[in-house]
Amino acid sequence: MPEKKIPDDAWAIAKARIEAMPSGLKMSIGSYGTLTKVELLEEIDKHSDIGKLIAEAQLDFLRRFKQRV
């Protein structure tokens, strides 16, 4: 299955949404474990597998929010 490309602006949106969260933020991401806000931002910057999950989740949230408004 071809990998889904995440547009640059989507990475920026995901990063901005995480940056806006409290500094003590910790997020559990399945088998990847619990990551701090700083670690989440690093994964987004690296465009890693975890970063992709975060970006996709943020975009999915915004799409669903838009559908309800």
Protein backbone atom coordinates (compact mmCIF):
# COMPACT_ATOMS: atom_id res chain seq x y z
CA MET A 1 0.00 0.00 0.00
CA PRO A 2 1.47 3.40 -0.96
CA GLU A 3 2.33 5.71 1.90
CA LYS A 4 0.01 8.67 2.38
CA LYS A 5 1.83 11.98 1.88
CA ILE A 6 1.15 14.63 4.48
CA PRO A 7 1.27 18.16 3.01
CA ASP A 8 3.74 20.64 4.53
CA ASP A 9 0.95 22.87 5.80
CA ALA A 10 -0.56 19.90 7.65
CA TRP A 11 2.75 19.34 9.47
CA ALA A 12 2.75 23.03 10.42
CA ILE A 13 -0.83 22.84 11.71
CA ALA A 14 -0.08 19.74 13.78
CA LYS A 15 3.02 21.40 15.24
CA ALA A 16 1.15 24.61 16.07
CA ARG A 17 -1.64 22.67 17.81
CA ILE A 18 0.85 20.75 19.97
CA GLU A 19 2.81 23.95 20.73
CA ALA A 20 -0.42 25.56 21.98
CA MET A 21 -0.94 22.80 24.55
CA PRO A 22 0.26 23.08 28.17
CA SER A 23 3.98 22.53 28.81
CA GLY A 24 3.32 19.55 31.09
CA LEU A 25 1.49 17.67 28.32
CA LYS A 26 2.15 13.94 28.04
CA MET A 27 0.45 11.79 25.45
CA SER A 28 0.28 8.02 25.33
CA ILE A 29 0.59 6.68 21.81
CA GLY A 30 -0.10 2.95 21.83
CA SER A 31 2.99 0.75 21.71
CA TYR A 32 5.22 3.83 21.31
CA GLY A 33 4.68 4.72 24.97
CA THR A 34 4.15 8.08 26.64
CA LEU A 35 5.78 11.14 25.10
CA THR A 36 6.22 14.64 26.49
CA LYS A 37 5.28 17.77 24.57
CA VAL A 38 8.94 18.27 23.61
CA GLU A 39 9.21 14.70 22.34
CA LEU A 40 5.98 15.05 20.35
CA LEU A 41 7.32 18.20 18.68
CA GLU A 42 10.62 16.46 17.89
CA GLU A 43 8.77 13.58 16.23
CA ILE A 44 6.73 16.02 14.15
CA ASP A 45 9.91 17.84 13.09
CA LYS A 46 11.53 14.53 12.07
CA HIS A 47 8.41 13.44 10.15
CA SER A 48 8.81 10.09 11.89
CA ASP A 49 6.18 7.37 12.10
CA ILE A 50 5.03 8.83 15.43
CA GLY A 51 5.02 12.32 13.91
CA LYS A 52 2.82 11.06 11.08
CA LEU A 53 0.35 9.57 13.57
CA ILE A 54 0.20 12.88 15.44
CA ALA A 55 -0.25 14.93 12.25
CA GLU A 56 -2.94 12.59 10.91
CA ALA A 57 -4.79 12.63 14.23
CA GLN A 58 -4.75 16.43 14.36
CA LEU A 59 -6.02 16.68 10.78
CA ASP A 60 -8.71 14.09 11.42
CA PHE A 61 -9.86 16.04 14.48
CA LEU A 62 -10.09 19.27 12.47
CA ARG A 63 -11.97 17.58 9.62
CA ARG A 64 -14.50 16.08 12.03
CA PHE A 65 -14.86 19.37 13.88
CA LYS A 66 -15.55 21.16 10.59
CA GLN A 67 -18.28 18.63 9.72
CA ARG A 68 -20.10 19.33 12.99
CA VAL A 69 -20.00 23.12 12.76
